[in-house]
Structure formats: structure tokens, C-alpha cells
Amino acid sequence: MKLPFDNLISFHAVVSFGSFSNGARKLGKSQSTVSGAIKNLENELDYALIDRSKSTLTLTDKGKKIYHLSAPIISKYFELLQIAESLHNSDTKKINIGIDPLIFNEEVKQVLIEFSETFPDTELTVFTKPSHILGQYVNCHKVDIAIGNPYHKTELSFNIDELFMVNCSWVIHKDVSTDYDLSSMRLLLIDGSESFVDFSSIAKHNIWILDDTSTILDLCLAKKGIAFLPHHLIDNHSRRFELMTFSDEMNLFGKQIYASLFWPTHSDFTRQHQWIHNKLRKGRQTQ
């Protein structure tokens, strides 16, 4: 014996709404389709569910039994259907991404531009935070996916996919390099740089920590300090020729940082996540 679920739903709708026409309307089907579904269900069960000798909708004793037993099952089915649809809508309508400012180069920006064209109805929130903060955001599911350096000092675990290298150097205004005592010059650092800069070797300097690479660059151009910045930020700036890479004579060494995609363990990608993942990986392969 088989119990076709669609036929059972038709039977339940007819009984719940008092007639074949009301049940069919509720299901968005024709009355003949619903009537045929119930007849097929009765044929499969080999007994009648509805007493068709009556002028009004009347169930047989077995029909009453089947109706009461099926009611909680069908109720749970529609509850599941609603939740599944809600999850689908939430996946396609909103995504939170974290990006480390040091990693936020032109390639990453281009991916966001293409994302807006591919998913015009998706709401996107971008958090530009240091990688150690993004790690916390990923862990507590404040962001769905992050682009940064997951190898900062942390006990948290992530899924990690390495993408590309970001070259960073200490830079200084050309005029400052000849007119100032550099041994006591202020150092300008992005928040979170303790993950890749040895603070013990620069302790004698006055250190400013900022959360915006553009502000750091502006201060450097204003001759207010030596800045630790990614090459992509300097190379694309209109005043880049006023700056020079600082030598390592004061233990101010450049650094290569691995830009990676990282996301929560035991989590599945939506199609938007997968699209971003594939785009960034493709960019890595063409570099």
C-alpha cells in the first residue's frame, strides 16, 4: 500500500475547509483535480473516506480516523515548508562580509562591484575591521564570510582558503627623510598590526594606532609620521611620488601578509557566498 502525500493533502484541505470547492481554492487547484486526488487515495486505501450518498460533506468512520491522524503530520509539513522558504529568502536577501582594510585592494573592490550587478536584490553589509576583530565576528556569526589574515594570534578555528599575498612597507614623506631625526619619528599603524609588527622593536617610538588606512596615508603625506601601509594603497594614490619606502636600518621591515577567505566551521555556503569565493579564487589563479 502506498499513501501519496499530495492526495492526502487534498483530502485534508477538503475536510478542513468544508467542501471540495473551498479545499481546491485553498490549494490553488481545480475542483476536479482535488476530487480525483481523493478518489485515488481511496482506491489506494481500498476503502471510502467520504460518504458520497450525503448531500453535505460527510466522512466515513475510517475517513474521520485518517483525517485526525493526518492533521498533525500535514500541519508539520506546512510549518517546515514555511521555515524552508524563510531560510531561502534570508539567504538570498542579505549577506554580511568582513574585509581587513590592509587587504581591501582593487581586485576585492571589483568583486563587490560585480556582486552588485549579479545579485541586485541582495542586501550587503561590509565591515572593514582588522583581521583579529573579523575573527571574532566570524566566530559569533556577525559576518558570514571574511577576507583578511586569519593567521593572527587566536584560538578560534575557521575554514580558510588562501587567496593572494599583500606586500606592506614602511613609507615616509621624501621631505621628512632628510629634515627629521627618524629615530624618534612617530609611527602610524593600522589597528591589529601587532599580529605582524614586532612592537618590542619599536617601543622607543611614539606610536599612533588608527582604524583607517586612508587616514594613516593622509597623516604620512602631511609629514606626521612613518606609516606601515599596503603597496596597493600607495600605488593607486595621486600623491604617491611624494612618498618613499623606508629602509630597514631602524628595524622597520616590510612584511608580506597572506590574504585569505575565512568563514565559520561547519557552515554551508549560500549561492552568494559561493560566488564570492569562486571570484576571489579565480583572481588568485590569474595573478
C-alpha atoms as a PDB file:
ATOM      1  CA  MET A   1       0.000   0.000   0.000  1.00  0.00           C
ATOM      2  CA  LYS A   2       1.170   3.496  -0.897  1.00  0.00           C
ATOM      3  CA  LEU A   3      -0.057   6.723   0.639  1.00  0.00           C
ATOM      4  CA  PRO A   4       0.537   9.557  -1.869  1.00  0.00           C
ATOM      5  CA  PHE A   5       1.161  12.660   0.236  1.00  0.00           C
ATOM      6  CA  ASP A   6      -0.280  15.144  -2.274  1.00  0.00           C
ATOM      7  CA  ASN A   7      -3.529  13.179  -2.310  1.00  0.00           C
ATOM      8  CA  LEU A   8      -3.586  13.169   1.490  1.00  0.00           C
ATOM      9  CA  ILE A   9      -3.104  16.965   1.483  1.00  0.00           C
ATOM     10  CA  SER A  10      -6.066  17.328  -0.893  1.00  0.00           C
ATOM     11  CA  PHE A  11      -8.244  15.195   1.390  1.00  0.00           C
ATOM     12  CA  HIS A  12      -7.191  17.177   4.466  1.00  0.00           C
ATOM     13  CA  ALA A  13      -7.883  20.519   2.749  1.00  0.00           C
ATOM     14  CA  VAL A  14     -11.368  19.476   1.612  1.00  0.00           C
ATOM     15  CA  VAL A  15     -12.344  18.349   5.120  1.00  0.00           C
ATOM     16  CA  SER A  16     -10.708  21.323   6.860  1.00  0.00           C
ATOM     17  CA  PHE A  17     -12.443  23.896   4.658  1.00  0.00           C
ATOM     18  CA  GLY A  18     -15.810  22.149   4.469  1.00  0.00           C
ATOM     19  CA  SER A  19     -16.187  21.403   0.753  1.00  0.00           C
ATOM     20  CA  PHE A  20     -14.436  20.324  -2.426  1.00  0.00           C
ATOM     21  CA  SER A  21     -14.614  23.829  -3.872  1.00  0.00           C
ATOM     22  CA  ASN A  22     -13.161  25.530  -0.774  1.00  0.00           C
ATOM     23  CA  GLY A  23     -10.389  22.952  -0.451  1.00  0.00           C
ATOM     24  CA  ALA A  24      -9.482  23.293  -4.135  1.00  0.00           C
ATOM     25  CA  ARG A  25      -9.433  27.091  -3.864  1.00  0.00           C
ATOM     26  CA  LYS A  26      -7.141  26.943  -0.837  1.00  0.00           C
ATOM     27  CA  LEU A  27      -4.700  24.668  -2.656  1.00  0.00           C
ATOM     28  CA  GLY A  28      -4.852  26.664  -5.877  1.00  0.00           C
ATOM     29  CA  LYS A  29      -6.138  23.665  -7.826  1.00  0.00           C
ATOM     30  CA  SER A  30      -9.267  22.857  -9.804  1.00  0.00           C
ATOM     31  CA  GLN A  31     -12.119  21.092  -8.043  1.00  0.00           C
ATOM     32  CA  SER A  32     -11.886  18.154 -10.432  1.00  0.00           C
ATOM     33  CA  THR A  33      -8.161  17.737  -9.675  1.00  0.00           C
ATOM     34  CA  VAL A  34      -8.800  17.652  -5.923  1.00  0.00           C
ATOM     35  CA  SER A  35     -11.745  15.280  -6.330  1.00  0.00           C
ATOM     36  CA  GLY A  36      -9.613  12.946  -8.451  1.00  0.00           C
ATOM     37  CA  ALA A  37      -6.790  13.040  -5.879  1.00  0.00           C
ATOM     38  CA  ILE A  38      -9.138  11.963  -3.079  1.00  0.00           C
ATOM     39  CA  LYS A  39     -10.609   9.219  -5.253  1.00  0.00           C
ATOM     40  CA  ASN A  40      -7.091   7.928  -5.981  1.00  0.00           C
ATOM     41  CA  LEU A  41      -6.325   7.969  -2.255  1.00  0.00           C
ATOM     42  CA  GLU A  42      -9.458   5.913  -1.543  1.00  0.00           C
ATOM     43  CA  ASN A  43      -8.506   3.448  -4.276  1.00  0.00           C
ATOM     44  CA  GLU A  44      -5.058   3.055  -2.760  1.00  0.00           C
ATOM     45  CA  LEU A  45      -6.512   2.513   0.721  1.00  0.00           C
ATOM     46  CA  ASP A  46      -9.239   0.267  -0.687  1.00  0.00           C
ATOM     47  CA  TYR A  47     -11.975   1.927   1.364  1.00  0.00           C
ATOM     48  CA  ALA A  48     -14.078   5.089   1.207  1.00  0.00           C
ATOM     49  CA  LEU A  49     -13.154   8.201   3.167  1.00  0.00           C
ATOM     50  CA  ILE A  50     -16.171  10.289   2.183  1.00  0.00           C
ATOM     51  CA  ASP A  51     -19.814   9.192   2.224  1.00  0.00           C
ATOM     52  CA  ARG A  52     -20.950  10.415  -1.188  1.00  0.00           C
ATOM     53  CA  SER A  53     -24.577   9.439  -0.566  1.00  0.00           C
ATOM     54  CA  LYS A  54     -24.971  12.520   1.643  1.00  0.00           C
ATOM     55  CA  SER A  55     -25.786  15.976   0.301  1.00  0.00           C
ATOM     56  CA  THR A  56     -23.168  17.624   2.512  1.00  0.00           C
ATOM     57  CA  LEU A  57     -19.555  16.630   3.061  1.00  0.00           C
ATOM     58  CA  THR A  58     -19.657  13.661   5.423  1.00  0.00           C
ATOM     59  CA  LEU A  59     -16.763  11.425   6.424  1.00  0.00           C
ATOM     60  CA  THR A  60     -16.962   7.711   6.937  1.00  0.00           C
ATOM     61  CA  ASP A  61     -15.680   6.342  10.241  1.00  0.00           C
ATOM     62  CA  LYS A  62     -12.417   5.410   8.559  1.00  0.00           C
ATOM     63  CA  GLY A  63     -12.307   8.826   6.908  1.00  0.00           C
ATOM     64  CA  LYS A  64     -12.569  10.502  10.330  1.00  0.00           C
ATOM     65  CA  LYS A  65      -9.730   8.332  11.598  1.00  0.00           C
ATOM     66  CA  ILE A  66      -7.474   9.140   8.638  1.00  0.00           C
ATOM     67  CA  TYR A  67      -8.273  12.858   8.917  1.00  0.00           C
ATOM     68  CA  HIS A  68      -7.380  13.090  12.615  1.00  0.00           C
ATOM     69  CA  LEU A  69      -4.193  11.066  12.170  1.00  0.00           C
ATOM     70  CA  SER A  70      -3.055  13.075   9.153  1.00  0.00           C
ATOM     71  CA  ALA A  71      -3.811  16.535  10.607  1.00  0.00           C
ATOM     72  CA  PRO A  72      -0.646  16.907  12.767  1.00  0.00           C
ATOM     73  CA  ILE A  73       1.550  15.470  10.002  1.00  0.00           C
ATOM     74  CA  ILE A  74       0.253  17.905   7.403  1.00  0.00           C
ATOM     75  CA  SER A  75       0.460  20.796   9.872  1.00  0.00           C
ATOM     76  CA  LYS A  76       4.139  19.990  10.463  1.00  0.00           C
ATOM     77  CA  TYR A  77       4.718  19.711   6.718  1.00  0.00           C
ATOM     78  CA  PHE A  78       3.388  23.229   6.069  1.00  0.00           C
ATOM     79  CA  GLU A  79       5.372  24.542   9.037  1.00  0.00           C
ATOM     80  CA  LEU A  80       8.521  23.019   7.542  1.00  0.00           C
ATOM     81  CA  LEU A  81       7.647  24.462   4.131  1.00  0.00           C
ATOM     82  CA  GLN A  82       7.293  27.941   5.622  1.00  0.00           C
ATOM     83  CA  ILE A  83      10.595  27.709   7.502  1.00  0.00           C
ATOM     84  CA  ALA A  84      12.408  26.390   4.428  1.00  0.00           C
ATOM     85  CA  GLU A  85      11.070  29.260   2.329  1.00  0.00           C
ATOM     86  CA  SER A  86      12.043  31.763   5.024  1.00  0.00           C
ATOM     87  CA  LEU A  87      15.588  30.390   5.118  1.00  0.00           C
ATOM     88  CA  HIS A  88      15.806  30.593   1.333  1.00  0.00           C
ATOM     89  CA  ASN A  89      14.659  34.213   1.344  1.00  0.00           C
ATOM     90  CA  SER A  90      17.068  35.194   4.110  1.00  0.00           C
ATOM     91  CA  ASP A  91      19.967  33.599   2.233  1.00  0.00           C
ATOM     92  CA  THR A  92      19.197  35.447  -0.959  1.00  0.00           C
ATOM     93  CA  LYS A  93      18.345  38.831   0.553  1.00  0.00           C
ATOM     94  CA  LYS A  94      21.179  39.614   2.976  1.00  0.00           C
ATOM     95  CA  ILE A  95      24.858  38.825   3.427  1.00  0.00           C
ATOM     96  CA  ASN A  96      27.438  40.244   5.843  1.00  0.00           C
ATOM     97  CA  ILE A  97      31.084  40.401   4.764  1.00  0.00           C
ATOM     98  CA  GLY A  98      34.130  41.458   6.758  1.00  0.00           C
ATOM     99  CA  ILE A  99      37.192  42.886   4.998  1.00  0.00           C
ATOM    100  CA  ASP A 100      40.518  43.816   6.580  1.00  0.00           C
ATOM    101  CA  PRO A 101      41.497  47.342   5.383  1.00  0.00           C
ATOM    102  CA  LEU A 102      45.008  46.118   4.565  1.00  0.00           C
ATOM    103  CA  ILE A 103      43.516  43.554   2.179  1.00  0.00           C
ATOM    104  CA  PHE A 104      40.922  45.844   0.576  1.00  0.00           C
ATOM    105  CA  ASN A 105      42.623  46.224  -2.801  1.00  0.00           C
ATOM    106  CA  GLU A 106      41.210  46.977  -6.250  1.00  0.00           C
ATOM    107  CA  GLU A 107      40.547  43.305  -7.007  1.00  0.00           C
ATOM    108  CA  VAL A 108      38.386  42.935  -3.901  1.00  0.00           C
ATOM    109  CA  LYS A 109      36.543  46.162  -4.733  1.00  0.00           C
ATOM    110  CA  GLN A 110      35.905  44.882  -8.260  1.00  0.00           C
ATOM    111  CA  VAL A 111      34.368  41.702  -6.851  1.00  0.00           C
ATOM    112  CA  LEU A 112      31.935  43.841  -4.819  1.00  0.00           C
ATOM    113  CA  ILE A 113      31.034  45.837  -7.937  1.00  0.00           C
ATOM    114  CA  GLU A 114      30.328  42.659  -9.902  1.00  0.00           C
ATOM    115  CA  PHE A 115      28.392  41.257  -6.925  1.00  0.00           C
ATOM    116  CA  SER A 116      26.025  44.248  -7.053  1.00  0.00           C
ATOM    117  CA  GLU A 117      25.339  43.506 -10.718  1.00  0.00           C
ATOM    118  CA  THR A 118      24.908  39.744 -10.271  1.00  0.00           C
ATOM    119  CA  PHE A 119      22.743  39.965  -7.127  1.00  0.00           C
ATOM    120  CA  PRO A 120      20.970  43.347  -7.402  1.00  0.00           C
ATOM    121  CA  ASP A 121      18.296  42.415  -4.826  1.00  0.00           C
ATOM    122  CA  THR A 122      20.705  41.197  -2.148  1.00  0.00           C
ATOM    123  CA  GLU A 123      21.349  43.491   0.805  1.00  0.00           C
ATOM    124  CA  LEU A 124      25.086  43.661   1.508  1.00  0.00           C
ATOM    125  CA  THR A 125      26.740  44.864   4.717  1.00  0.00           C
ATOM    126  CA  VAL A 126      30.529  45.266   4.665  1.00  0.00           C
ATOM    127  CA  PHE A 127      32.518  45.567   7.893  1.00  0.00           C
ATOM    128  CA  THR A 128      36.033  46.985   7.421  1.00  0.00           C
ATOM    129  CA  LYS A 129      37.814  45.814  10.554  1.00  0.00           C
ATOM    130  CA  PRO A 130      41.233  44.369  11.458  1.00  0.00           C
ATOM    131  CA  SER A 131      41.540  40.632  10.999  1.00  0.00           C
ATOM    132  CA  HIS A 132      41.574  39.874  14.738  1.00  0.00           C
ATOM    133  CA  ILE A 133      38.180  41.569  15.090  1.00  0.00           C
ATOM    134  CA  LEU A 134      36.855  39.874  11.955  1.00  0.00           C
ATOM    135  CA  GLY A 135      37.860  36.555  13.504  1.00  0.00           C
ATOM    136  CA  GLN A 136      35.605  37.318  16.465  1.00  0.00           C
ATOM    137  CA  TYR A 137      32.823  38.411  14.093  1.00  0.00           C
ATOM    138  CA  VAL A 138      33.100  35.142  12.170  1.00  0.00           C
ATOM    139  CA  ASN A 139      33.087  33.121  15.377  1.00  0.00           C
ATOM    140  CA  CYS A 140      29.890  34.761  16.658  1.00  0.00           C
ATOM    141  CA  HIS A 141      28.309  34.750  13.150  1.00  0.00           C
ATOM    142  CA  LYS A 142      28.154  38.537  12.895  1.00  0.00           C
ATOM    143  CA  VAL A 143      29.699  38.140   9.448  1.00  0.00           C
ATOM    144  CA  ASP A 144      29.107  35.244   7.081  1.00  0.00           C
ATOM    145  CA  ILE A 145      32.491  35.407   5.421  1.00  0.00           C
ATOM    146  CA  ALA A 146      35.678  37.432   5.921  1.00  0.00           C
ATOM    147  CA  ILE A 147      38.614  38.476   3.756  1.00  0.00           C
ATOM    148  CA  GLY A 148      41.747  39.090   5.770  1.00  0.00           C
ATOM    149  CA  ASN A 149      44.620  37.466   7.623  1.00  0.00           C
ATOM    150  CA  PRO A 150      43.269  34.505   9.617  1.00  0.00           C
ATOM    151  CA  TYR A 151      46.725  33.684  10.989  1.00  0.00           C
ATOM    152  CA  HIS A 152      46.592  36.313  13.723  1.00  0.00           C
ATOM    153  CA  LYS A 153      47.115  35.157  17.295  1.00  0.00           C
ATOM    154  CA  THR A 154      43.864  33.419  18.138  1.00  0.00           C
ATOM    155  CA  GLU A 155      42.495  30.165  19.487  1.00  0.00           C
ATOM    156  CA  LEU A 156      39.462  30.350  17.210  1.00  0.00           C
ATOM    157  CA  SER A 157      39.043  27.886  14.348  1.00  0.00           C
ATOM    158  CA  PHE A 158      37.920  28.763  10.818  1.00  0.00           C
ATOM    159  CA  ASN A 159      37.632  27.328   7.357  1.00  0.00           C
ATOM    160  CA  ILE A 160      40.479  29.004   5.448  1.00  0.00           C
ATOM    161  CA  ASP A 161      41.182  29.420   1.743  1.00  0.00           C
ATOM    162  CA  GLU A 162      44.364  31.348   0.910  1.00  0.00           C
ATOM    163  CA  LEU A 163      43.960  33.855  -1.929  1.00  0.00           C
ATOM    164  CA  PHE A 164      46.900  36.204  -2.549  1.00  0.00           C
ATOM    165  CA  MET A 165      49.850  37.965  -0.938  1.00  0.00           C
ATOM    166  CA  VAL A 166      49.679  41.599   0.163  1.00  0.00           C
ATOM    167  CA  ASN A 167      53.014  43.433   0.333  1.00  0.00           C
ATOM    168  CA  CYS A 168      53.312  46.063   3.065  1.00  0.00           C
ATOM    169  CA  SER A 169      56.145  48.514   3.732  1.00  0.00           C
ATOM    170  CA  TRP A 170      57.073  51.398   5.962  1.00  0.00           C
ATOM    171  CA  VAL A 171      56.773  54.627   3.972  1.00  0.00           C
ATOM    172  CA  ILE A 172      57.747  58.193   4.705  1.00  0.00           C
ATOM    173  CA  HIS A 173      57.395  61.572   3.017  1.00  0.00           C
ATOM    174  CA  LYS A 174      60.527  62.342   0.995  1.00  0.00           C
ATOM    175  CA  ASP A 175      60.986  65.724   2.704  1.00  0.00           C
ATOM    176  CA  VAL A 176      60.881  64.165   6.169  1.00  0.00           C
ATOM    177  CA  SER A 177      63.602  61.647   5.367  1.00  0.00           C
ATOM    178  CA  THR A 178      66.253  64.400   5.277  1.00  0.00           C
ATOM    179  CA  ASP A 179      64.957  67.019   7.749  1.00  0.00           C
ATOM    180  CA  TYR A 180      63.981  64.991  10.845  1.00  0.00           C
ATOM    181  CA  ASP A 181      65.560  62.723  13.442  1.00  0.00           C
ATOM    182  CA  LEU A 182      63.975  59.494  12.285  1.00  0.00           C
ATOM    183  CA  SER A 183      64.955  57.519  15.378  1.00  0.00           C
ATOM    184  CA  SER A 184      62.221  59.297  17.340  1.00  0.00           C
ATOM    185  CA  MET A 185      59.763  59.775  14.494  1.00  0.00           C
ATOM    186  CA  ARG A 186      56.121  58.891  15.130  1.00  0.00           C
ATOM    187  CA  LEU A 187      54.931  55.561  13.716  1.00  0.00           C
ATOM    188  CA  LEU A 188      51.470  55.264  12.152  1.00  0.00           C
ATOM    189  CA  LEU A 189      49.893  51.813  12.334  1.00  0.00           C
ATOM    190  CA  ILE A 190      46.581  50.205  11.495  1.00  0.00           C
ATOM    191  CA  ASP A 191      44.637  48.648  14.355  1.00  0.00           C
ATOM    192  CA  GLY A 192      45.547  44.969  14.642  1.00  0.00           C
ATOM    193  CA  SER A 193      49.083  45.404  13.314  1.00  0.00           C
ATOM    194  CA  GLU A 194      50.523  43.780  16.442  1.00  0.00           C
ATOM    195  CA  SER A 195      49.814  40.496  14.636  1.00  0.00           C
ATOM    196  CA  PHE A 196      52.608  41.158  12.130  1.00  0.00           C
ATOM    197  CA  VAL A 197      54.704  44.028  13.574  1.00  0.00           C
ATOM    198  CA  ASP A 198      57.148  43.376  16.413  1.00  0.00           C
ATOM    199  CA  PHE A 199      56.144  46.087  18.889  1.00  0.00           C
ATOM    200  CA  SER A 200      59.123  45.337  21.147  1.00  0.00           C
ATOM    201  CA  SER A 201      61.484  46.563  18.430  1.00  0.00           C
ATOM    202  CA  ILE A 202      59.656  49.890  18.005  1.00  0.00           C
ATOM    203  CA  ALA A 203      58.820  50.626  21.643  1.00  0.00           C
ATOM    204  CA  LYS A 204      61.028  53.754  21.710  1.00  0.00           C
ATOM    205  CA  HIS A 205      58.840  55.443  19.086  1.00  0.00           C
ATOM    206  CA  ASN A 206      55.667  57.394  19.638  1.00  0.00           C
ATOM    207  CA  ILE A 207      53.001  55.110  18.132  1.00  0.00           C
ATOM    208  CA  TRP A 208      49.607  56.045  16.786  1.00  0.00           C
ATOM    209  CA  ILE A 209      47.069  53.283  16.149  1.00  0.00           C
ATOM    210  CA  LEU A 210      44.271  54.108  13.710  1.00  0.00           C
ATOM    211  CA  ASP A 211      41.466  52.054  12.180  1.00  0.00           C
ATOM    212  CA  ASP A 212      41.536  53.655   8.734  1.00  0.00           C
ATOM    213  CA  THR A 213      44.345  53.225   6.203  1.00  0.00           C
ATOM    214  CA  SER A 214      43.324  56.365   4.294  1.00  0.00           C
ATOM    215  CA  THR A 215      43.788  58.500   7.413  1.00  0.00           C
ATOM    216  CA  ILE A 216      47.184  56.898   8.016  1.00  0.00           C
ATOM    217  CA  LEU A 217      48.215  57.753   4.454  1.00  0.00           C
ATOM    218  CA  ASP A 218      46.975  61.348   4.829  1.00  0.00           C
ATOM    219  CA  LEU A 219      48.987  61.780   8.042  1.00  0.00           C
ATOM    220  CA  CYS A 220      52.063  60.384   6.343  1.00  0.00           C
ATOM    221  CA  LEU A 221      51.644  62.791   3.418  1.00  0.00           C
ATOM    222  CA  ALA A 222      51.267  65.594   5.975  1.00  0.00           C
ATOM    223  CA  LYS A 223      54.732  64.624   7.306  1.00  0.00           C
ATOM    224  CA  LYS A 224      53.356  63.449  10.664  1.00  0.00           C
ATOM    225  CA  GLY A 225      54.999  60.070  10.820  1.00  0.00           C
ATOM    226  CA  ILE A 226      56.301  56.894   9.233  1.00  0.00           C
ATOM    227  CA  ALA A 227      53.400  54.725   8.064  1.00  0.00           C
ATOM    228  CA  PHE A 228      53.048  50.984   7.638  1.00  0.00           C
ATOM    229  CA  LEU A 229      50.849  50.546   4.562  1.00  0.00           C
ATOM    230  CA  PRO A 230      49.981  48.042   1.823  1.00  0.00           C
ATOM    231  CA  HIS A 231      51.544  48.719  -1.574  1.00  0.00           C
ATOM    232  CA  HIS A 232      48.181  48.702  -3.366  1.00  0.00           C
ATOM    233  CA  LEU A 233      47.032  51.725  -1.345  1.00  0.00           C
ATOM    234  CA  ILE A 234      50.172  53.710  -2.148  1.00  0.00           C
ATOM    235  CA  ASP A 235      50.464  52.675  -5.805  1.00  0.00           C
ATOM    236  CA  ASN A 236      46.980  53.975  -6.634  1.00  0.00           C
ATOM    237  CA  HIS A 237      47.309  57.311  -4.822  1.00  0.00           C
ATOM    238  CA  SER A 238      47.684  60.532  -6.816  1.00  0.00           C
ATOM    239  CA  ARG A 239      50.470  61.770  -4.481  1.00  0.00           C
ATOM    240  CA  ARG A 240      52.415  58.516  -4.387  1.00  0.00           C
ATOM    241  CA  PHE A 241      55.541  60.193  -5.813  1.00  0.00           C
ATOM    242  CA  GLU A 242      55.871  62.247  -2.605  1.00  0.00           C
ATOM    243  CA  LEU A 243      56.488  59.060  -0.628  1.00  0.00           C
ATOM    244  CA  MET A 244      59.412  56.707  -0.397  1.00  0.00           C
ATOM    245  CA  THR A 245      59.854  53.267   1.089  1.00  0.00           C
ATOM    246  CA  PHE A 246      61.717  53.451   4.362  1.00  0.00           C
ATOM    247  CA  SER A 247      64.930  51.457   4.745  1.00  0.00           C
ATOM    248  CA  ASP A 248      65.341  48.735   7.334  1.00  0.00           C
ATOM    249  CA  GLU A 249      68.176  50.485   9.196  1.00  0.00           C
ATOM    250  CA  MET A 250      65.876  51.078  12.213  1.00  0.00           C
ATOM    251  CA  ASN A 251      64.422  47.551  12.284  1.00  0.00           C
ATOM    252  CA  LEU A 252      61.402  48.750  10.339  1.00  0.00           C
ATOM    253  CA  PHE A 253      60.999  45.833   7.998  1.00  0.00           C
ATOM    254  CA  GLY A 254      58.392  45.292   5.310  1.00  0.00           C
ATOM    255  CA  LYS A 255      56.010  42.366   5.526  1.00  0.00           C
ATOM    256  CA  GLN A 256      54.046  40.023   3.306  1.00  0.00           C
ATOM    257  CA  ILE A 257      50.566  39.209   4.572  1.00  0.00           C
ATOM    258  CA  TYR A 258      48.505  36.303   3.301  1.00  0.00           C
ATOM    259  CA  ALA A 259      45.048  37.459   2.259  1.00  0.00           C
ATOM    260  CA  SER A 260      42.615  34.617   2.821  1.00  0.00           C
ATOM    261  CA  LEU A 261      38.945  33.879   2.760  1.00  0.00           C
ATOM    262  CA  PHE A 262      37.764  32.541   6.117  1.00  0.00           C
ATOM    263  CA  TRP A 263      34.348  31.549   7.397  1.00  0.00           C
ATOM    264  CA  PRO A 264      32.765  29.588  10.283  1.00  0.00           C
ATOM    265  CA  THR A 265      33.478  25.888  10.604  1.00  0.00           C
ATOM    266  CA  HIS A 266      30.568  23.518   9.959  1.00  0.00           C
ATOM    267  CA  SER A 267      28.728  26.111   7.861  1.00  0.00           C
ATOM    268  CA  ASP A 268      27.314  25.839   4.356  1.00  0.00           C
ATOM    269  CA  PHE A 269      27.708  28.389   1.578  1.00  0.00           C
ATOM    270  CA  THR A 270      24.730  30.127   0.045  1.00  0.00           C
ATOM    271  CA  ARG A 271      24.999  30.776  -3.676  1.00  0.00           C
ATOM    272  CA  GLN A 272      26.185  34.346  -2.908  1.00  0.00           C
ATOM    273  CA  HIS A 273      28.963  33.064  -0.641  1.00  0.00           C
ATOM    274  CA  GLN A 274      29.994  30.547  -3.267  1.00  0.00           C
ATOM    275  CA  TRP A 275      30.024  33.236  -5.958  1.00  0.00           C
ATOM    276  CA  ILE A 276      32.355  35.482  -3.920  1.00  0.00           C
ATOM    277  CA  HIS A 277      34.530  32.500  -3.071  1.00  0.00           C
ATOM    278  CA  ASN A 278      34.843  31.491  -6.731  1.00  0.00           C
ATOM    279  CA  LYS A 279      35.536  35.051  -7.920  1.00  0.00           C
ATOM    280  CA  LEU A 280      38.357  35.595  -5.445  1.00  0.00           C
ATOM    281  CA  ARG A 281      39.883  32.197  -6.188  1.00  0.00           C
ATOM    282  CA  LYS A 282      39.715  32.934  -9.919  1.00  0.00           C
ATOM    283  CA  GLY A 283      41.501  36.214  -9.277  1.00  0.00           C
ATOM    284  CA  ARG A 284      44.238  34.340  -7.434  1.00  0.00           C
ATOM    285  CA  GLN A 285      44.733  31.942 -10.352  1.00  0.00           C
ATOM    286  CA  THR A 286      45.178  34.795 -12.841  1.00  0.00           C
ATOM    287  CA  GLN A 287      47.770  36.641 -10.751  1.00  0.00           C
END
